Protein backbone atom coordinates (compact mmCIF):
# COMPACT_ATOMS: atom_id res chain seq x y z
CA MET A 1 15.12 -19.40 -7.79
CA ASN A 2 18.23 -19.97 -5.69
CA SER A 3 18.03 -18.00 -2.45
CA SER A 4 21.82 -17.63 -2.53
CA ASN A 5 21.36 -15.15 -5.41
CA LEU A 6 19.46 -12.80 -3.12
CA ARG A 7 21.13 -9.87 -1.42
CA SER A 8 20.06 -8.46 1.92
CA PRO A 9 18.64 -4.93 1.64
CA LEU A 10 19.74 -4.28 5.21
CA VAL A 11 23.38 -5.16 4.49
CA ASP A 12 23.78 -3.79 0.99
CA ARG A 13 21.74 -0.58 1.26
CA ASP A 14 20.19 -1.51 -2.06
CA ILE A 15 18.44 0.77 -4.50
CA ILE A 16 14.68 0.64 -4.04
CA CYS A 17 12.30 1.42 -6.90
CA ILE A 18 8.66 2.27 -6.23
CA ILE A 19 6.29 1.64 -9.13
CA GLY A 20 3.31 3.99 -9.14
CA ALA A 21 3.46 7.57 -7.84
CA GLY A 22 -0.04 7.87 -6.40
CA THR A 23 -0.74 8.49 -2.73
CA MET A 24 0.61 5.13 -1.56
CA GLY A 25 3.54 5.02 -3.95
CA SER A 26 4.76 8.50 -3.09
CA GLY A 27 4.34 7.77 0.62
CA ILE A 28 6.39 4.57 0.36
CA ALA A 29 9.05 6.39 -1.65
CA GLN A 30 9.33 9.00 1.10
CA VAL A 31 9.70 6.24 3.71
CA ALA A 32 12.45 4.53 1.70
CA ALA A 33 14.40 7.75 1.15
CA GLN A 34 14.04 8.80 4.79
CA SER A 35 15.48 5.41 5.74
CA GLY A 36 18.66 6.11 3.83
CA PHE A 37 17.99 4.21 0.61
CA LYS A 38 18.56 5.59 -2.85
CA THR A 39 15.00 5.61 -4.16
CA LEU A 40 13.50 5.70 -7.63
CA LEU A 41 9.85 6.64 -8.02
CA PHE A 42 8.42 5.57 -11.36
CA ASP A 43 5.19 6.51 -13.09
CA ILE A 44 4.39 6.86 -16.78
CA ASN A 45 2.26 9.92 -16.02
CA THR A 46 4.48 13.00 -15.66
CA ALA A 47 1.70 15.00 -13.97
CA VAL A 48 1.32 12.28 -11.32
CA LEU A 49 5.10 12.30 -10.77
CA ASN A 50 5.10 16.08 -10.38
CA ASN A 51 2.27 15.88 -7.87
CA ALA A 52 4.15 13.19 -5.95
CA GLN A 53 7.30 15.32 -5.83
CA SER A 54 5.31 18.30 -4.56
CA SER A 55 3.54 16.16 -1.96
CA ILE A 56 6.78 14.69 -0.65
CA GLN A 57 8.42 18.11 -0.42
CA LYS A 58 5.45 19.47 1.55
CA SER A 59 5.62 16.47 3.87
CA LEU A 60 9.34 16.96 4.47
CA GLN A 61 8.87 20.68 5.06
CA SER A 62 6.21 19.86 7.63
CA LEU A 63 8.65 17.54 9.41
CA VAL A 64 11.23 20.33 9.46
CA GLU A 65 8.71 22.78 10.89
CA LYS A 66 7.76 20.24 13.59
CA GLN A 67 11.51 19.81 14.30
CA LYS A 68 11.34 16.07 13.62
CA ILE A 69 14.13 16.45 11.05
CA ASN A 70 16.43 19.37 10.25
CA THR A 71 16.96 21.15 6.94
CA GLU A 72 20.14 19.20 6.18
CA GLU A 73 18.32 15.90 6.68
CA SER A 74 15.46 17.08 4.47
CA ASN A 75 17.92 18.01 1.72
CA ALA A 76 19.66 14.63 2.01
CA ILE A 77 16.34 12.80 1.70
CA THR A 78 15.47 14.86 -1.38
CA GLU A 79 18.84 14.03 -2.96
CA ARG A 80 18.20 10.31 -2.48
CA LEU A 81 14.94 10.55 -4.46
CA GLN A 82 14.82 10.33 -8.23
CA TYR A 83 11.61 10.65 -10.26
CA VAL A 84 11.48 8.72 -13.56
CA ASN A 85 8.87 8.08 -16.27
CA ASP A 86 11.00 5.76 -18.40
CA ILE A 87 10.76 2.14 -17.25
CA ASN A 88 14.17 1.41 -18.78
CA LEU A 89 15.68 3.57 -16.03
CA CYS A 90 14.13 1.34 -13.35
CA LYS A 91 17.23 -0.60 -12.31
CA ALA A 92 17.12 -1.63 -8.66
CA ASN A 93 17.45 -4.49 -6.19
CA VAL A 94 14.02 -4.23 -4.63
CA PHE A 95 10.85 -3.15 -6.43
CA ILE A 96 7.67 -2.21 -4.59
CA GLU A 97 4.63 -1.78 -6.82
CA ALA A 98 1.71 0.41 -5.78
CA ILE A 99 -0.32 0.53 -8.99
CA ILE A 100 -3.94 -0.25 -9.87
CA GLU A 101 -5.51 -3.21 -8.03
CA LYS A 102 -5.60 -5.56 -11.00
CA THR A 103 -3.64 -8.81 -11.05
CA GLU A 104 -2.94 -8.55 -14.78
CA ALA A 105 -1.45 -5.06 -14.43
CA LYS A 106 0.83 -6.12 -11.59
CA VAL A 107 2.00 -9.22 -13.47
CA ASP A 108 2.69 -7.12 -16.57
CA ILE A 109 4.80 -4.51 -14.76
CA PHE A 110 6.81 -7.15 -12.90
CA ASN A 111 7.58 -9.00 -16.13
CA GLN A 112 8.62 -5.76 -17.82
CA LEU A 113 10.98 -5.09 -14.93
CA ALA A 114 12.25 -8.68 -14.98
CA ALA A 115 13.36 -8.22 -18.58
CA ILE A 116 15.70 -5.34 -17.70
CA ASN A 117 16.96 -6.42 -14.25
CA ASP A 118 18.96 -9.26 -12.69
CA GLU A 119 17.17 -12.46 -11.69
CA GLY A 120 17.97 -11.82 -8.02
CA VAL A 121 15.82 -8.70 -7.65
CA ILE A 122 12.82 -8.84 -5.35
CA PHE A 123 9.32 -7.92 -6.48
CA ALA A 124 7.06 -6.76 -3.64
CA SER A 125 3.40 -5.92 -4.15
CA ASN A 126 1.61 -3.38 -1.99
CA THR A 127 -1.74 -4.94 -2.86
CA SER A 128 -4.32 -4.78 -0.08
CA SER A 129 -6.59 -7.53 -1.34
CA LEU A 130 -5.24 -9.44 -4.35
CA SER A 131 -3.71 -12.89 -3.99
CA ILE A 132 0.10 -12.88 -3.99
CA SER A 133 -0.03 -16.52 -5.12
CA ASP A 134 -2.13 -15.53 -8.15
CA ILE A 135 0.22 -12.67 -9.04
CA GLN A 136 3.36 -14.79 -8.86
CA GLN A 137 1.96 -17.59 -11.02
CA SER A 138 2.61 -15.60 -14.19
CA VAL A 139 5.77 -13.74 -13.18
CA VAL A 140 9.24 -14.83 -14.30
CA ASN A 141 10.97 -16.47 -11.29
CA PRO A 142 7.81 -16.43 -9.13
CA SER A 143 9.66 -17.28 -5.91
CA ARG A 144 10.93 -13.68 -5.67
CA VAL A 145 7.40 -12.23 -5.49
CA VAL A 146 6.13 -11.25 -2.04
CA GLY A 147 3.49 -9.02 -0.50
CA MET A 148 4.56 -5.82 1.27
CA HIS A 149 1.32 -4.18 2.34
CA PHE A 150 1.76 -0.66 3.73
CA PHE A 151 -1.10 1.30 5.25
CA ASN A 152 -2.17 4.84 4.42
CA PRO A 153 -0.53 7.26 5.11
CA ALA A 154 2.64 5.22 4.61
CA PRO A 155 5.05 7.73 6.26
CA ILE A 156 3.01 7.61 9.49
CA MET A 157 1.46 4.15 9.79
CA LYS A 158 3.91 1.68 11.36
CA LEU A 159 2.41 -1.66 10.35
CA VAL A 160 3.44 -3.55 7.20
CA GLU A 161 2.05 -6.96 6.32
CA VAL A 162 4.70 -9.20 4.74
CA VAL A 163 2.73 -11.77 2.75
CA LYS A 164 4.17 -15.08 1.59
CA GLY A 165 2.59 -16.54 -1.54
CA LYS A 166 2.64 -20.26 -2.24
CA GLN A 167 5.91 -19.97 -4.17
CA THR A 168 7.63 -17.18 -2.21
CA ASP A 169 11.19 -18.06 -1.27
CA GLU A 170 11.71 -17.87 2.50
CA ALA A 171 14.83 -15.74 1.94
CA VAL A 172 12.74 -13.22 -0.01
CA ALA A 173 10.20 -12.95 2.79
CA GLN A 174 12.93 -12.58 5.41
CA ASN A 175 14.74 -9.90 3.39
CA ILE A 176 11.54 -7.88 3.09
CA TYR A 177 10.87 -8.36 6.81
CA ILE A 178 14.35 -6.94 7.52
CA LEU A 179 13.75 -4.12 5.03
CA CYS A 180 10.57 -3.15 6.90
CA GLN A 181 12.55 -2.92 10.12
CA GLN A 182 15.19 -0.82 8.38
CA MET A 183 12.36 1.50 7.32
CA ASN A 184 11.37 1.83 11.00
CA LYS A 185 8.18 -0.15 10.38
CA VAL A 186 6.62 -2.98 12.36
CA PRO A 187 6.41 -6.00 10.03
CA VAL A 188 4.02 -8.89 10.56
CA MET A 189 4.55 -12.08 8.55
CA CYS A 190 1.51 -13.92 7.22
CA LYS A 191 0.55 -16.45 4.58
CA ASP A 192 -1.42 -15.43 1.52
CA ALA A 193 -5.15 -15.44 2.34
CA PRO A 194 -8.12 -13.25 1.37
CA GLY A 195 -7.68 -9.83 2.98
CA PHE A 196 -4.45 -10.98 4.67
CA ILE A 197 -4.83 -10.07 8.39
CA VAL A 198 -5.91 -6.46 8.74
CA ASN A 199 -8.41 -6.16 5.89
CA ARG A 200 -10.09 -9.42 6.81
CA VAL A 201 -10.48 -8.49 10.48
CA ALA A 202 -11.35 -4.86 9.75
CA ARG A 203 -13.97 -5.68 7.11
CA HIS A 204 -16.70 -5.91 9.73
CA TYR A 205 -15.64 -2.65 11.31
CA TYR A 206 -16.94 -1.08 8.11
CA LEU A 207 -19.69 -3.52 7.09
CA GLU A 208 -21.42 -3.75 10.47
CA ALA A 209 -21.23 0.02 10.91
CA MET A 210 -22.92 0.60 7.54
CA LYS A 211 -25.50 -2.09 8.29
CA MET A 212 -26.44 -0.23 11.48
CA VAL A 213 -26.98 2.96 9.47
CA GLU A 214 -29.06 1.10 6.87
CA GLU A 215 -31.19 -0.42 9.63
CA GLY A 216 -31.69 2.94 11.30
CA VAL A 217 -29.96 1.87 14.51
CA ALA A 218 -27.78 5.01 14.63
CA GLY A 219 -26.41 7.76 12.43
CA PHE A 220 -22.89 7.52 11.06
CA GLU A 221 -21.70 10.53 13.11
CA ASN A 222 -22.84 8.87 16.33
CA ILE A 223 -21.20 5.57 15.40
CA ASP A 224 -17.92 7.35 14.69
CA ALA A 225 -18.16 9.28 17.97
CA ILE A 226 -18.76 6.21 20.11
CA MET A 227 -16.00 4.19 18.43
CA GLU A 228 -13.50 7.02 18.88
CA ALA A 229 -14.60 7.43 22.51
CA SER A 230 -13.95 3.70 22.92
CA GLY A 231 -10.33 4.10 21.91
CA PHE A 232 -10.29 3.84 18.10
CA LYS A 233 -8.29 6.64 16.48
CA MET A 234 -10.91 7.01 13.73
CA GLY A 235 -14.50 5.88 13.43
CA PRO A 236 -15.35 3.58 10.50
CA PHE A 237 -16.99 6.31 8.39
CA LYS A 238 -14.16 8.82 8.80
CA LEU A 239 -11.73 6.02 7.99
CA MET A 240 -13.60 5.03 4.83
CA ASP A 241 -13.57 8.68 3.73
CA LEU A 242 -9.80 8.79 4.31
CA ILE A 243 -9.08 5.52 2.50
CA GLY A 244 -11.41 6.31 -0.40
CA MET A 245 -14.83 4.77 -0.87
CA ASP A 246 -13.84 3.16 -4.17
CA ILE A 247 -10.74 1.52 -2.71
CA ASN A 248 -12.58 0.31 0.38
CA LEU A 249 -15.40 -1.13 -1.72
CA ALA A 250 -12.92 -2.84 -4.05
CA VAL A 251 -11.37 -4.63 -1.07
CA SER A 252 -14.82 -5.67 0.18
CA ASN A 253 -15.71 -7.01 -3.26
CA SER A 254 -12.42 -8.90 -3.50
CA ILE A 255 -12.85 -10.57 -0.11
CA TYR A 256 -16.52 -11.31 -0.82
CA GLU A 257 -15.58 -13.10 -4.05
CA ALA A 258 -12.64 -14.89 -2.44
CA PHE A 259 -14.96 -16.35 0.19
CA ASP A 260 -17.45 -17.55 -2.45
CA LYS A 261 -19.90 -14.73 -1.67
CA GLU A 262 -20.27 -15.62 1.97
CA GLU A 263 -23.03 -13.41 3.38
CA ARG A 264 -20.94 -11.98 6.24
CA PHE A 265 -18.63 -10.33 3.69
CA MET A 266 -21.38 -8.92 1.43
CA PRO A 267 -20.56 -5.33 0.39
CA SER A 268 -22.88 -2.61 1.65
CA GLN A 269 -25.39 -1.06 -0.73
CA LEU A 270 -24.81 2.21 1.14
CA GLN A 271 -21.20 2.23 -0.01
CA ILE A 272 -22.05 0.99 -3.49
CA ASP A 273 -24.36 3.99 -3.88
CA LYS A 274 -21.65 6.38 -2.65
CA VAL A 275 -19.22 5.10 -5.26
CA ALA A 276 -21.86 5.34 -8.00
CA LYS A 277 -22.36 9.03 -7.11
CA THR A 278 -18.55 9.57 -7.00
CA GLU A 279 -18.79 10.51 -3.35
CA LEU A 280 -15.47 8.85 -2.57
CA GLY A 281 -14.45 10.74 0.55
CA ARG A 282 -11.71 13.29 1.12
CA LYS A 283 -10.28 13.01 -2.39
CA THR A 284 -13.56 14.13 -4.01
CA GLY A 285 -14.63 16.54 -1.27
CA LYS A 286 -17.56 14.42 -0.15
CA GLY A 287 -18.11 10.94 1.24
CA PHE A 288 -20.05 10.36 4.41
CA TYR A 289 -18.76 13.78 5.46
CA GLN A 290 -18.37 17.02 3.51
CA TYR A 291 -14.81 18.32 2.97
């Protein structure tokens, strides 16, 4: 892919399309619209789209009530957002996917989008654990595929990992880095590696904490309390409940497999049991804590 075909999101105020209207997708869509971009939010499930629209409106109303934005700004943000369930309407310059954590699904959606868009569009994946290099191998014009890993909740968390796969064009990575800045985020560039930066480093924040509970060293409430007293905004167990036990476990499994089942990355049986009982955290009403 010729980098001269790429357009700068910062300069052109491009249209951004978010694929997947779940918690992350809707959060990223809100961020894009708040940053002044015309934003499409796509999902094949109309109910999910409706929930996303309701969630974004509540979030904007909360910002108005906190006097962080005014009513006019809220209305302008709303006008920049369009909700679509027909993929043929997904015409944009930058696509950010936030769908299920399966390589095949991400490859499939990117190739569907490639068939109806110009070759110069950028495909960014919000994956937290899958290899960008693996995703781009089967995508048309793989050099335009890059990682753009937001953190939950996307409208609040500042960090975004910009991940370069083996075939990612440098211009693509730089454009996404600039786009992050335009979205008032703090981008960090890294090469594709298991867990990228944050999830690899943070894995032991969760795993060692659960190991201490399994060994009877301390209860999860006490571990959370001491970590928060030490300066962490959330203890590991509250954070797992917020993220979702199933999502957190999936990342652990992915990193464990990527490191050839190295013992230090072995998933916790405590968490495996929680997922088996559908005690996934806040979204199910129960995880380590009751909600």
